[in-house]
PDB file of N, CA and C in Angstrom:
ATOM      1  N   MET A   1       0.469  -1.066  -0.360  1.00  0.00           N
ATOM      2  CA  MET A   1      -0.016   0.140  -0.015  1.00  0.00           C
ATOM      3  C   MET A   1       0.656   1.148  -0.189  1.00  0.00           C
ATOM      4  N   ASN A   2       0.598   2.332  -0.690  1.00  0.00           N
ATOM      5  CA  ASN A   2       1.300   3.499  -0.613  1.00  0.00           C
ATOM      6  C   ASN A   2       1.111   4.226   0.769  1.00  0.00           C
ATOM      7  N   GLU A   3       2.258   4.558   1.151  1.00  0.00           N
ATOM      8  CA  GLU A   3       2.732   4.904   2.272  1.00  0.00           C
ATOM      9  C   GLU A   3       1.685   6.469   2.666  1.00  0.00           C
ATOM     10  N   GLN A   4       1.509   7.335   1.535  1.00  0.00           N
ATOM     11  CA  GLN A   4       0.669   8.374   1.838  1.00  0.00           C
ATOM     12  C   GLN A   4      -0.491   8.103   2.041  1.00  0.00           C
ATOM     13  N   LEU A   5      -1.198   7.116   1.247  1.00  0.00           N
ATOM     14  CA  LEU A   5      -2.564   6.666   1.294  1.00  0.00           C
ATOM     15  C   LEU A   5      -2.735   5.887   3.019  1.00  0.00           C
ATOM     16  N   LEU A   6      -1.332   5.306   3.065  1.00  0.00           N
ATOM     17  CA  LEU A   6      -1.646   4.631   4.608  1.00  0.00           C
ATOM     18  C   LEU A   6      -1.912   5.795   5.690  1.00  0.00           C
ATOM     19  N   ALA A   7      -1.007   6.995   5.407  1.00  0.00           N
ATOM     20  CA  ALA A   7      -1.075   7.946   6.324  1.00  0.00           C
ATOM     21  C   ALA A   7      -2.515   8.627   6.297  1.00  0.00           C
ATOM     22  N   ASP A   8      -2.690   8.908   5.087  1.00  0.00           N
ATOM     23  CA  ASP A   8      -4.104   9.302   5.043  1.00  0.00           C
ATOM     24  C   ASP A   8      -5.184   8.698   5.731  1.00  0.00           C
ATOM     25  N   LEU A   9      -4.943   7.342   5.802  1.00  0.00           N
ATOM     26  CA  LEU A   9      -6.361   6.575   6.439  1.00  0.00           C
ATOM     27  C   LEU A   9      -5.518   6.775   8.241  1.00  0.00           C
ATOM     28  N   VAL A  10      -4.373   6.639   8.243  1.00  0.00           N
ATOM     29  CA  VAL A  10      -4.170   7.098   9.669  1.00  0.00           C
ATOM     30  C   VAL A  10      -4.895   8.027  10.349  1.00  0.00           C
ATOM     31  N   GLY A  11      -4.693   9.267   9.481  1.00  0.00           N
ATOM     32  CA  GLY A  11      -5.242  10.522   9.870  1.00  0.00           C
ATOM     33  C   GLY A  11      -6.773  10.439   9.998  1.00  0.00           C
ATOM     34  N   ILE A  12      -7.206   9.615   9.254  1.00  0.00           N
ATOM     35  CA  ILE A  12      -8.988   9.829   9.295  1.00  0.00           C
ATOM     36  C   ILE A  12      -9.143   9.245  10.095  1.00  0.00           C
ATOM     37  N   LEU A  13      -8.719   8.291  10.585  1.00  0.00           N
ATOM     38  CA  LEU A  13      -9.236   7.343  11.944  1.00  0.00           C
ATOM     39  C   LEU A  13      -8.706   8.306  13.139  1.00  0.00           C
ATOM     40  N   HIS A  14      -7.671   9.255  13.013  1.00  0.00           N
ATOM     41  CA  HIS A  14      -7.479  10.029  13.950  1.00  0.00           C
ATOM     42  C   HIS A  14      -8.345  10.895  14.098  1.00  0.00           C
ATOM     43  N   ALA A  15      -8.815  11.652  13.187  1.00  0.00           N
ATOM     44  CA  ALA A  15     -10.029  12.954  13.188  1.00  0.00           C
ATOM     45  C   ALA A  15     -11.053  12.217  13.373  1.00  0.00           C
ATOM     46  N   LEU A  16     -11.231  10.918  13.298  1.00  0.00           N
ATOM     47  CA  LEU A  16     -12.550  10.453  13.673  1.00  0.00           C
ATOM     48  C   LEU A  16     -12.401  10.043  15.070  1.00  0.00           C
ATOM     49  N   PHE A  17     -11.502  10.032  15.757  1.00  0.00           N
ATOM     50  CA  PHE A  17     -11.003   9.547  16.913  1.00  0.00           C
ATOM     51  C   PHE A  17     -11.588  10.905  17.778  1.00  0.00           C
ATOM     52  N   VAL A  18     -10.856  12.193  16.966  1.00  0.00           N
ATOM     53  CA  VAL A  18     -10.859  13.572  17.964  1.00  0.00           C
ATOM     54  C   VAL A  18     -12.441  13.605  18.031  1.00  0.00           C
ATOM     55  N   LEU A  19     -13.235  13.337  16.558  1.00  0.00           N
ATOM     56  CA  LEU A  19     -14.342  13.673  16.704  1.00  0.00           C
ATOM     57  C   LEU A  19     -15.475  12.793  17.842  1.00  0.00           C
ATOM     58  N   PHE A  20     -15.079  11.623  17.803  1.00  0.00           N
ATOM     59  CA  PHE A  20     -15.522  10.828  18.874  1.00  0.00           C
ATOM     60  C   PHE A  20     -15.674  11.499  20.182  1.00  0.00           C
ATOM     61  N   VAL A  21     -14.465  11.964  20.321  1.00  0.00           N
ATOM     62  CA  VAL A  21     -14.362  12.483  22.207  1.00  0.00           C
ATOM     63  C   VAL A  21     -14.929  13.952  22.209  1.00  0.00           C
ATOM     64  N   VAL A  22     -14.547  14.872  21.275  1.00  0.00           N
ATOM     65  CA  VAL A  22     -14.776  16.132  21.029  1.00  0.00           C
ATOM     66  C   VAL A  22     -16.697  16.095  20.959  1.00  0.00           C
ATOM     67  N   GLY A  23     -17.130  15.715  19.758  1.00  0.00           N
ATOM     68  CA  GLY A  23     -18.293  15.704  19.127  1.00  0.00           C
ATOM     69  C   GLY A  23     -19.050  14.697  20.299  1.00  0.00           C
ATOM     70  N   GLY A  24     -18.613  13.691  20.720  1.00  0.00           N
ATOM     71  CA  GLY A  24     -19.440  12.936  21.771  1.00  0.00           C
ATOM     72  C   GLY A  24     -20.242  13.786  23.215  1.00  0.00           C
ATOM     73  N   GLN A  25     -18.914  14.555  23.576  1.00  0.00           N
ATOM     74  CA  GLN A  25     -19.095  15.069  24.728  1.00  0.00           C
ATOM     75  C   GLN A  25     -20.299  16.382  24.147  1.00  0.00           C
ATOM     76  N   ALA A  26     -19.979  16.896  23.167  1.00  0.00           N
ATOM     77  CA  ALA A  26     -21.031  18.097  22.840  1.00  0.00           C
ATOM     78  C   ALA A  26     -22.675  17.410  22.907  1.00  0.00           C
ATOM     79  N   VAL A  27     -22.490  16.016  22.182  1.00  0.00           N
ATOM     80  CA  VAL A  27     -23.978  15.434  22.282  1.00  0.00           C
ATOM     81  C   VAL A  27     -24.409  14.600  23.294  1.00  0.00           C
ATOM     82  N   ILE A  28     -23.522  14.627  24.453  1.00  0.00           N
ATOM     83  CA  ILE A  28     -23.899  14.269  25.887  1.00  0.00           C
ATOM     84  C   ILE A  28     -24.540  15.367  26.601  1.00  0.00           C
ATOM     85  N   ILE A  29     -23.860  16.846  26.425  1.00  0.00           N
ATOM     86  CA  ILE A  29     -24.200  17.602  27.002  1.00  0.00           C
ATOM     87  C   ILE A  29     -25.848  17.765  26.594  1.00  0.00           C
ATOM     88  N   LEU A  30     -25.839  17.891  24.729  1.00  0.00           N
ATOM     89  CA  LEU A  30     -27.069  18.182  24.187  1.00  0.00           C
ATOM     90  C   LEU A  30     -28.187  17.174  24.693  1.00  0.00           C
ATOM     91  N   GLY A  31     -27.782  15.971  24.768  1.00  0.00           N
ATOM     92  CA  GLY A  31     -28.830  15.154  25.349  1.00  0.00           C
ATOM     93  C   GLY A  31     -29.304  14.883  26.645  1.00  0.00           C
ATOM     94  N   TRP A  32     -28.370  15.799  27.582  1.00  0.00           N
ATOM     95  CA  TRP A  32     -28.794  16.336  28.946  1.00  0.00           C
ATOM     96  C   TRP A  32     -30.015  16.764  28.897  1.00  0.00           C
ATOM     97  N   LEU A  33     -29.505  17.991  28.075  1.00  0.00           N
ATOM     98  CA  LEU A  33     -30.463  18.925  27.945  1.00  0.00           C
ATOM     99  C   LEU A  33     -31.998  18.567  27.509  1.00  0.00           C
ATOM    100  N   ARG A  34     -31.737  17.883  26.398  1.00  0.00           N
ATOM    101  CA  ARG A  34     -32.973  17.505  25.799  1.00  0.00           C
ATOM    102  C   ARG A  34     -33.352  16.415  26.253  1.00  0.00           C
ATOM    103  N   LYS A  35     -33.053  15.796  27.259  1.00  0.00           N
ATOM    104  CA  LYS A  35     -33.355  14.476  27.527  1.00  0.00           C
ATOM    105  C   LYS A  35     -33.561  13.251  26.549  1.00  0.00           C
ATOM    106  N   TRP A  36     -32.774  13.044  25.503  1.00  0.00           N
ATOM    107  CA  TRP A  36     -32.399  12.202  24.802  1.00  0.00           C
ATOM    108  C   TRP A  36     -31.756  11.102  25.917  1.00  0.00           C
ATOM    109  N   ALA A  37     -32.763   9.682  25.407  1.00  0.00           N
ATOM    110  CA  ALA A  37     -32.035   8.563  26.531  1.00  0.00           C
ATOM    111  C   ALA A  37     -30.721   8.050  25.612  1.00  0.00           C
ATOM    112  N   TRP A  38     -30.893   7.800  24.346  1.00  0.00           N
ATOM    113  CA  TRP A  38     -29.238   7.018  23.913  1.00  0.00           C
ATOM    114  C   TRP A  38     -28.128   7.893  24.550  1.00  0.00           C
ATOM    115  N   THR A  39     -28.165   9.156  24.929  1.00  0.00           N
ATOM    116  CA  THR A  39     -27.002   9.713  25.216  1.00  0.00           C
ATOM    117  C   THR A  39     -26.462   9.040  26.707  1.00  0.00           C
ATOM    118  N   ARG A  40     -27.388   8.490  27.241  1.00  0.00           N
ATOM    119  CA  ARG A  40     -27.403   7.966  28.552  1.00  0.00           C
ATOM    120  C   ARG A  40     -26.685   6.016  28.193  1.00  0.00           C
ATOM    121  N   ASN A  41     -26.580   5.886  26.927  1.00  0.00           N
ATOM    122  CA  ASN A  41     -26.125   4.484  26.569  1.00  0.00           C
ATOM    123  C   ASN A  41     -24.794   4.018  27.677  1.00  0.00           C
ATOM    124  N   PHE A  42     -24.669   3.130  28.273  1.00  0.00           N
ATOM    125  CA  PHE A  42     -23.494   2.799  29.173  1.00  0.00           C
ATOM    126  C   PHE A  42     -22.272   2.571  28.182  1.00  0.00           C
ATOM    127  N   ILE A  43     -22.280   1.616  27.260  1.00  0.00           N
ATOM    128  CA  ILE A  43     -21.144   1.530  26.142  1.00  0.00           C
ATOM    129  C   ILE A  43     -20.633   3.035  25.804  1.00  0.00           C
ATOM    130  N   PHE A  44     -21.925   3.656  25.016  1.00  0.00           N
ATOM    131  CA  PHE A  44     -21.197   4.626  24.485  1.00  0.00           C
ATOM    132  C   PHE A  44     -20.703   5.283  25.726  1.00  0.00           C
ATOM    133  N   ARG A  45     -21.271   5.852  26.672  1.00  0.00           N
ATOM    134  CA  ARG A  45     -20.474   6.725  27.543  1.00  0.00           C
ATOM    135  C   ARG A  45     -19.444   5.987  28.417  1.00  0.00           C
ATOM    136  N   CYS A  46     -19.184   4.893  28.759  1.00  0.00           N
ATOM    137  CA  CYS A  46     -17.622   4.264  28.881  1.00  0.00           C
ATOM    138  C   CYS A  46     -16.942   4.567  28.103  1.00  0.00           C
ATOM    139  N   LEU A  47     -16.800   3.999  26.709  1.00  0.00           N
ATOM    140  CA  LEU A  47     -16.029   4.179  25.691  1.00  0.00           C
ATOM    141  C   LEU A  47     -15.357   5.573  25.478  1.00  0.00           C
ATOM    142  N   HIS A  48     -16.207   6.826  25.745  1.00  0.00           N
ATOM    143  CA  HIS A  48     -16.590   8.285  25.582  1.00  0.00           C
ATOM    144  C   HIS A  48     -15.173   8.549  26.772  1.00  0.00           C
ATOM    145  N   LEU A  49     -15.694   8.117  27.849  1.00  0.00           N
ATOM    146  CA  LEU A  49     -14.683   8.396  29.119  1.00  0.00           C
ATOM    147  C   LEU A  49     -13.269   7.772  28.637  1.00  0.00           C
ATOM    148  N   ALA A  50     -13.238   6.176  28.599  1.00  0.00           N
ATOM    149  CA  ALA A  50     -11.845   5.589  28.226  1.00  0.00           C
ATOM    150  C   ALA A  50     -11.241   6.431  27.325  1.00  0.00           C
ATOM    151  N   ALA A  51     -11.556   6.895  26.310  1.00  0.00           N
ATOM    152  CA  ALA A  51     -11.042   7.478  24.711  1.00  0.00           C
ATOM    153  C   ALA A  51     -10.526   8.848  25.470  1.00  0.00           C
ATOM    154  N   ILE A  52     -10.860   9.829  26.224  1.00  0.00           N
ATOM    155  CA  ILE A  52     -10.577  10.768  26.851  1.00  0.00           C
ATOM    156  C   ILE A  52      -9.631  10.416  27.988  1.00  0.00           C
ATOM    157  N   GLY A  53      -9.575   9.643  28.934  1.00  0.00           N
ATOM    158  CA  GLY A  53      -9.089   9.263  29.903  1.00  0.00           C
ATOM    159  C   GLY A  53      -7.445   8.951  29.093  1.00  0.00           C
ATOM    160  N   LEU A  54      -7.469   8.353  28.002  1.00  0.00           N
ATOM    161  CA  LEU A  54      -6.493   7.749  27.508  1.00  0.00           C
ATOM    162  C   LEU A  54      -5.392   8.809  27.225  1.00  0.00           C
ATOM    163  N   VAL A  55      -6.216   9.918  26.406  1.00  0.00           N
ATOM    164  CA  VAL A  55      -5.411  10.692  25.958  1.00  0.00           C
ATOM    165  C   VAL A  55      -4.865  12.005  27.168  1.00  0.00           C
ATOM    166  N   VAL A  56      -5.636  11.721  28.490  1.00  0.00           N
ATOM    167  CA  VAL A  56      -5.402  12.409  29.475  1.00  0.00           C
ATOM    168  C   VAL A  56      -4.163  11.730  29.891  1.00  0.00           C
ATOM    169  N   LEU A  57      -4.013  10.456  30.087  1.00  0.00           N
ATOM    170  CA  LEU A  57      -2.800   9.809  30.539  1.00  0.00           C
ATOM    171  C   LEU A  57      -1.735   9.947  29.534  1.00  0.00           C
ATOM    172  N   GLU A  58      -1.950   9.797  28.477  1.00  0.00           N
ATOM    173  CA  GLU A  58      -1.012  10.078  27.436  1.00  0.00           C
ATOM    174  C   GLU A  58      -0.038  11.067  27.645  1.00  0.00           C
ATOM    175  N   THR A  59      -0.978  12.382  27.634  1.00  0.00           N
ATOM    176  CA  THR A  59      -0.501  13.894  27.971  1.00  0.00           C
ATOM    177  C   THR A  59       0.408  14.177  29.592  1.00  0.00           C
ATOM    178  N   TRP A  60      -0.089  13.535  30.464  1.00  0.00           N
ATOM    179  CA  TRP A  60       0.504  13.389  31.644  1.00  0.00           C
ATOM    180  C   TRP A  60       1.875  12.617  31.989  1.00  0.00           C
ATOM    181  N   ILE A  61       1.904  11.766  31.061  1.00  0.00           N
ATOM    182  CA  ILE A  61       3.316  10.789  31.548  1.00  0.00           C
ATOM    183  C   ILE A  61       4.180  11.196  29.966  1.00  0.00           C
ATOM    184  N   GLY A  62       3.712  12.116  29.064  1.00  0.00           N
ATOM    185  CA  GLY A  62       4.324  12.461  28.162  1.00  0.00           C
ATOM    186  C   GLY A  62       4.881  11.480  26.748  1.00  0.00           C
ATOM    187  N   ILE A  63       3.826  10.548  26.787  1.00  0.00           N
ATOM    188  CA  ILE A  63       3.963   9.592  25.718  1.00  0.00           C
ATOM    189  C   ILE A  63       3.171  10.477  24.363  1.00  0.00           C
ATOM    190  N   PRO A  64       3.995   9.979  23.396  1.00  0.00           N
ATOM    191  CA  PRO A  64       3.082  10.869  22.331  1.00  0.00           C
ATOM    192  C   PRO A  64       1.873  10.195  21.683  1.00  0.00           C
ATOM    193  N   CYS A  65       1.165  10.653  21.153  1.00  0.00           N
ATOM    194  CA  CYS A  65      -0.216   9.798  20.540  1.00  0.00           C
ATOM    195  C   CYS A  65       0.587   9.142  19.549  1.00  0.00           C
ATOM    196  N   PRO A  66       0.192   7.700  19.423  1.00  0.00           N
ATOM    197  CA  PRO A  66       0.839   6.973  18.623  1.00  0.00           C
ATOM    198  C   PRO A  66      -0.002   7.012  17.114  1.00  0.00           C
ATOM    199  N   LEU A  67      -1.285   7.881  16.903  1.00  0.00           N
ATOM    200  CA  LEU A  67      -1.554   7.940  15.760  1.00  0.00           C
ATOM    201  C   LEU A  67      -1.196   8.819  15.333  1.00  0.00           C
ATOM    202  N   THR A  68      -0.485  10.025  15.863  1.00  0.00           N
ATOM    203  CA  THR A  68       0.203  11.312  15.359  1.00  0.00           C
ATOM    204  C   THR A  68       1.661  10.266  15.115  1.00  0.00           C
ATOM    205  N   VAL A  69       2.262   9.548  15.729  1.00  0.00           N
ATOM    206  CA  VAL A  69       3.701   8.840  15.254  1.00  0.00           C
ATOM    207  C   VAL A  69       3.514   8.363  14.069  1.00  0.00           C
ATOM    208  N   PHE A  70       2.558   7.403  14.316  1.00  0.00           N
ATOM    209  CA  PHE A  70       2.554   6.206  12.717  1.00  0.00           C
ATOM    210  C   PHE A  70       2.130   7.108  11.684  1.00  0.00           C
ATOM    211  N   GLU A  71       1.439   8.309  11.668  1.00  0.00           N
ATOM    212  CA  GLU A  71       0.970   9.239  10.568  1.00  0.00           C
ATOM    213  C   GLU A  71       2.092   9.814   9.983  1.00  0.00           C
ATOM    214  N   ALA A  72       3.063  10.465  11.074  1.00  0.00           N
ATOM    215  CA  ALA A  72       4.487  11.333  10.808  1.00  0.00           C
ATOM    216  C   ALA A  72       5.526  10.610  10.029  1.00  0.00           C
ATOM    217  N   GLN A  73       5.626   8.712  10.384  1.00  0.00           N
ATOM    218  CA  GLN A  73       6.353   8.180  10.267  1.00  0.00           C
ATOM    219  C   GLN A  73       6.160   7.981   8.633  1.00  0.00           C
ATOM    220  N   MET A  74       4.785   7.380   8.210  1.00  0.00           N
ATOM    221  CA  MET A  74       4.319   7.451   6.933  1.00  0.00           C
ATOM    222  C   MET A  74       4.570   8.384   5.810  1.00  0.00           C
ATOM    223  N   ARG A  75       4.662   9.582   6.647  1.00  0.00           N
ATOM    224  CA  ARG A  75       4.302  11.013   5.578  1.00  0.00           C
ATOM    225  C   ARG A  75       5.690  11.304   5.460  1.00  0.00           C
ATOM    226  N   ARG A  76       6.849  10.827   6.433  1.00  0.00           N
ATOM    227  CA  ARG A  76       8.335  11.265   6.030  1.00  0.00           C
ATOM    228  C   ARG A  76       8.956  10.480   4.702  1.00  0.00           C
ATOM    229  N   THR A  77       8.295   9.485   4.429  1.00  0.00           N
ATOM    230  CA  THR A  77       8.770   8.658   3.330  1.00  0.00           C
ATOM    231  C   THR A  77       8.529   8.914   2.150  1.00  0.00           C
ATOM    232  N   GLY A  78       7.401   9.933   1.694  1.00  0.00           N
ATOM    233  CA  GLY A  78       6.726  10.881   0.827  1.00  0.00           C
ATOM    234  C   GLY A  78       6.993  12.143   0.459  1.00  0.00           C
ATOM    235  N   THR A  79       7.225  12.585  -0.623  1.00  0.00           N
ATOM    236  CA  THR A  79       7.453  13.831  -1.106  1.00  0.00           C
ATOM    237  C   THR A  79       6.068  14.694  -1.251  1.00  0.00           C
ATOM    238  N   ASP A  80       5.391  14.534  -1.847  1.00  0.00           N
ATOM    239  CA  ASP A  80       4.496  15.029  -2.241  1.00  0.00           C
ATOM    240  C   ASP A  80       3.057  14.952  -1.132  1.00  0.00           C
ATOM    241  N   VAL A  81       2.534  16.305  -0.549  1.00  0.00           N
ATOM    242  CA  VAL A  81       1.626  16.175   0.222  1.00  0.00           C
ATOM    243  C   VAL A  81      -0.037  16.057  -0.232  1.00  0.00           C
ATOM    244  N   THR A  82      -0.786  14.944   0.314  1.00  0.00           N
ATOM    245  CA  THR A  82      -1.940  14.605  -0.462  1.00  0.00           C
ATOM    246  C   THR A  82      -2.859  15.772  -0.070  1.00  0.00           C
ATOM    247  N   PHE A  83      -4.085  15.993  -0.698  1.00  0.00           N
ATOM    248  CA  PHE A  83      -5.138  16.811  -0.506  1.00  0.00           C
ATOM    249  C   PHE A  83      -5.756  16.652   1.394  1.00  0.00           C
ATOM    250  N   ILE A  84      -5.573  15.427   1.441  1.00  0.00           N
ATOM    251  CA  ILE A  84      -6.348  15.181   2.392  1.00  0.00           C
ATOM    252  C   ILE A  84      -5.517  14.914   3.626  1.00  0.00           C
ATOM    253  N   GLY A  85      -3.996  14.804   3.293  1.00  0.00           N
ATOM    254  CA  GLY A  85      -2.908  15.124   4.395  1.00  0.00           C
ATOM    255  C   GLY A  85      -2.496  16.514   4.774  1.00  0.00           C
ATOM    256  N   TYR A  86      -2.857  17.417   3.901  1.00  0.00           N
ATOM    257  CA  TYR A  86      -2.873  19.075   4.143  1.00  0.00           C
ATOM    258  C   TYR A  86      -4.211  19.295   5.140  1.00  0.00           C
ATOM    259  N   TRP A  87      -5.088  18.866   4.787  1.00  0.00           N
ATOM    260  CA  TRP A  87      -6.494  19.198   5.408  1.00  0.00           C
ATOM    261  C   TRP A  87      -6.611  18.908   6.959  1.00  0.00           C
ATOM    262  N   LEU A  88      -6.127  17.352   6.973  1.00  0.00           N
ATOM    263  CA  LEU A  88      -5.584  16.774   8.421  1.00  0.00           C
ATOM    264  C   LEU A  88      -4.689  17.684   9.335  1.00  0.00           C
ATOM    265  N   ASP A  89      -3.687  17.905   8.372  1.00  0.00           N
ATOM    266  CA  ASP A  89      -2.518  18.327   9.086  1.00  0.00           C
ATOM    267  C   ASP A  89      -2.991  19.884   9.840  1.00  0.00           C
ATOM    268  N   ARG A  90      -4.143  20.934   9.239  1.00  0.00           N
ATOM    269  CA  ARG A  90      -4.744  21.924   9.537  1.00  0.00           C
ATOM    270  C   ARG A  90      -5.541  21.784  10.607  1.00  0.00           C
ATOM    271  N   LEU A  91      -6.247  20.587  10.795  1.00  0.00           N
ATOM    272  CA  LEU A  91      -7.449  20.621  11.403  1.00  0.00           C
ATOM    273  C   LEU A  91      -6.757  19.634  12.624  1.00  0.00           C
ATOM    274  N   LEU A  92      -5.606  18.676  12.769  1.00  0.00           N
ATOM    275  CA  LEU A  92      -5.225  17.840  13.718  1.00  0.00           C
ATOM    276  C   LEU A  92      -3.879  18.731  14.730  1.00  0.00           C
ATOM    277  N   TYR A  93      -3.197  19.111  13.936  1.00  0.00           N
ATOM    278  CA  TYR A  93      -1.993  19.517  14.401  1.00  0.00           C
ATOM    279  C   TYR A  93      -1.715  21.230  14.537  1.00  0.00           C
ATOM    280  N   TYR A  94      -1.124  21.429  16.151  1.00  0.00           N
ATOM    281  CA  TYR A  94      -0.963  22.892  16.076  1.00  0.00           C
ATOM    282  C   TYR A  94       0.163  22.611  17.239  1.00  0.00           C
ATOM    283  N   GLN A  95       0.645  24.139  16.846  1.00  0.00           N
ATOM    284  CA  GLN A  95       2.033  23.919  17.544  1.00  0.00           C
ATOM    285  C   GLN A  95       1.992  25.121  19.224  1.00  0.00           C
ATOM    286  N   ALA A  96       2.369  24.631  19.928  1.00  0.00           N
ATOM    287  CA  ALA A  96       1.951  25.272  21.412  1.00  0.00           C
ATOM    288  C   ALA A  96       2.811  24.509  22.122  1.00  0.00           C
ATOM    289  N   PRO A  97       3.310  25.032  23.179  1.00  0.00           N
ATOM    290  CA  PRO A  97       4.180  24.366  24.550  1.00  0.00           C
ATOM    291  C   PRO A  97       3.190  23.411  25.021  1.00  0.00           C
ATOM    292  N   GLU A  98       4.057  22.313  25.633  1.00  0.00           N
ATOM    293  CA  GLU A  98       2.933  21.286  25.851  1.00  0.00           C
ATOM    294  C   GLU A  98       2.476  21.226  27.223  1.00  0.00           C
ATOM    295  N   TRP A  99       2.332  22.229  27.783  1.00  0.00           N
ATOM    296  CA  TRP A  99       1.589  22.531  29.042  1.00  0.00           C
ATOM    297  C   TRP A  99       0.539  23.136  28.537  1.00  0.00           C
ATOM    298  N   ILE A 100       0.629  23.662  27.396  1.00  0.00           N
ATOM    299  CA  ILE A 100      -1.216  24.180  27.019  1.00  0.00           C
ATOM    300  C   ILE A 100      -2.191  22.467  26.767  1.00  0.00           C
ATOM    301  N   PHE A 101      -1.667  21.734  25.804  1.00  0.00           N
ATOM    302  CA  PHE A 101      -1.917  20.478  25.369  1.00  0.00           C
ATOM    303  C   PHE A 101      -2.569  19.671  26.945  1.00  0.00           C
ATOM    304  N   VAL A 102      -1.407  19.783  27.861  1.00  0.00           N
ATOM    305  CA  VAL A 102      -1.561  19.134  29.268  1.00  0.00           C
ATOM    306  C   VAL A 102      -2.669  19.858  29.790  1.00  0.00           C
ATOM    307  N   THR A 103      -2.859  21.219  29.800  1.00  0.00           N
ATOM    308  CA  THR A 103      -4.072  21.776  30.549  1.00  0.00           C
ATOM    309  C   THR A 103      -5.500  21.670  30.026  1.00  0.00           C
ATOM    310  N   VAL A 104      -5.597  21.568  28.411  1.00  0.00           N
ATOM    311  CA  VAL A 104      -6.859  21.684  27.311  1.00  0.00           C
ATOM    312  C   VAL A 104      -7.031  20.342  28.018  1.00  0.00           C
ATOM    313  N   TYR A 105      -6.507  19.317  27.656  1.00  0.00           N
ATOM    314  CA  TYR A 105      -6.906  17.975  27.711  1.00  0.00           C
ATOM    315  C   TYR A 105      -7.348  17.535  28.975  1.00  0.00           C
ATOM    316  N   SER A 106      -6.583  18.271  30.233  1.00  0.00           N
ATOM    317  CA  SER A 106      -7.065  17.679  31.731  1.00  0.00           C
ATOM    318  C   SER A 106      -8.324  18.346  31.852  1.00  0.00           C
ATOM    319  N   LEU A 107      -8.281  19.657  31.529  1.00  0.00           N
ATOM    320  CA  LEU A 107      -9.878  20.240  31.643  1.00  0.00           C
ATOM    321  C   LEU A 107     -11.127  19.531  31.175  1.00  0.00           C
ATOM    322  N   PHE A 108     -10.586  19.119  29.871  1.00  0.00           N
ATOM    323  CA  PHE A 108     -11.567  18.201  29.040  1.00  0.00           C
ATOM    324  C   PHE A 108     -11.999  16.960  29.329  1.00  0.00           C
ATOM    325  N   GLY A 109     -11.011  16.421  29.892  1.00  0.00           N
ATOM    326  CA  GLY A 109     -11.506  15.357  30.874  1.00  0.00           C
ATOM    327  C   GLY A 109     -12.327  15.237  31.851  1.00  0.00           C
ATOM    328  N   ILE A 110     -11.839  16.710  32.883  1.00  0.00           N
ATOM    329  CA  ILE A 110     -12.874  16.454  34.081  1.00  0.00           C
ATOM    330  C   ILE A 110     -14.054  17.080  33.386  1.00  0.00           C
ATOM    331  N   LEU A 111     -14.137  17.522  32.421  1.00  0.00           N
ATOM    332  CA  LEU A 111     -16.039  18.271  31.941  1.00  0.00           C
ATOM    333  C   LEU A 111     -16.320  16.612  31.911  1.00  0.00           C
ATOM    334  N   VAL A 112     -15.792  15.673  30.783  1.00  0.00           N
ATOM    335  CA  VAL A 112     -16.389  14.627  30.712  1.00  0.00           C
ATOM    336  C   VAL A 112     -16.677  13.541  31.738  1.00  0.00           C
ATOM    337  N   LEU A 113     -15.728  13.871  32.900  1.00  0.00           N
ATOM    338  CA  LEU A 113     -15.772  12.884  33.832  1.00  0.00           C
ATOM    339  C   LEU A 113     -17.285  13.786  35.115  1.00  0.00           C
ATOM    340  N   LEU A 114     -17.364  14.731  34.905  1.00  0.00           N
ATOM    341  CA  LEU A 114     -18.005  15.764  35.614  1.00  0.00           C
ATOM    342  C   LEU A 114     -19.847  15.265  34.805  1.00  0.00           C
ATOM    343  N   SER A 115     -19.632  15.328  33.683  1.00  0.00           N
ATOM    344  CA  SER A 115     -20.693  14.757  32.953  1.00  0.00           C
ATOM    345  C   SER A 115     -21.104  13.356  33.298  1.00  0.00           C
ATOM    346  N   PHE A 116     -20.438  12.519  33.501  1.00  0.00           N
ATOM    347  CA  PHE A 116     -20.432  10.791  33.527  1.00  0.00           C
ATOM    348  C   PHE A 116     -20.748  10.910  35.158  1.00  0.00           C
ATOM    349  N   ILE A 117     -20.616  11.690  35.832  1.00  0.00           N
ATOM    350  CA  ILE A 117     -21.153  11.573  37.412  1.00  0.00           C
ATOM    351  C   ILE A 117     -22.420  12.340  37.492  1.00  0.00           C
ATOM    352  N   LEU A 118     -22.905  13.500  36.833  1.00  0.00           N
ATOM    353  CA  LEU A 118     -23.823  14.207  37.297  1.00  0.00           C
ATOM    354  C   LEU A 118     -24.874  13.803  36.143  1.00  0.00           C
ATOM    355  N   TYR A 119     -24.275  13.421  35.079  1.00  0.00           N
ATOM    356  CA  TYR A 119     -25.672  12.803  34.238  1.00  0.00           C
ATOM    357  C   TYR A 119     -24.990  11.290  33.547  1.00  0.00           C
ATOM    358  N   PRO A 120     -25.259  10.538  34.940  1.00  0.00           N
ATOM    359  CA  PRO A 120     -24.415   9.181  34.561  1.00  0.00           C
ATOM    360  C   PRO A 120     -25.339   8.225  33.416  1.00  0.00           C
ATOM    361  N   PRO A 121     -24.534   7.361  33.014  1.00  0.00           N
ATOM    362  CA  PRO A 121     -24.912   6.573  32.176  1.00  0.00           C
ATOM    363  C   PRO A 121     -26.162   5.495  32.388  1.00  0.00           C
ATOM    364  N   LYS A 122     -26.706   5.157  32.167  1.00  0.00           N
ATOM    365  CA  LYS A 122     -27.899   3.623  32.507  1.00  0.00           C
ATOM    366  C   LYS A 122     -27.572   2.491  31.758  1.00  0.00           C
ATOM    367  N   ARG A 123     -27.339   1.634  32.376  1.00  0.00           N
ATOM    368  CA  ARG A 123     -27.320   0.005  31.781  1.00  0.00           C
ATOM    369  C   ARG A 123     -28.566  -0.273  31.158  1.00  0.00           C
TER     370      ARG A 123
END
């Protein structure tokens, strides 16, 4: 498989993960306000909490995101940036001091945990 295509697929997977974490929290809060029963789904909520928990844990102990690392390794082997790669780079990757990411991810993790406690899932 072409390494640029593989990098694009990993980048798309990464974007979907981010969408699940960020979009999932937005939907949970909206569901709380609108009383949507499905936003209390136990499996969905546990997977969502685990996803942000993994991100927070990685940043606290200084482990780079495996999807970011794998995608970057695949992109280094090619010379051309694909259309998808160009837009994924703008969507997913920001330059900032590490403490900014630790702070933002930790605060978002606290938001997810609080919504898990205050608007708990149902089995």
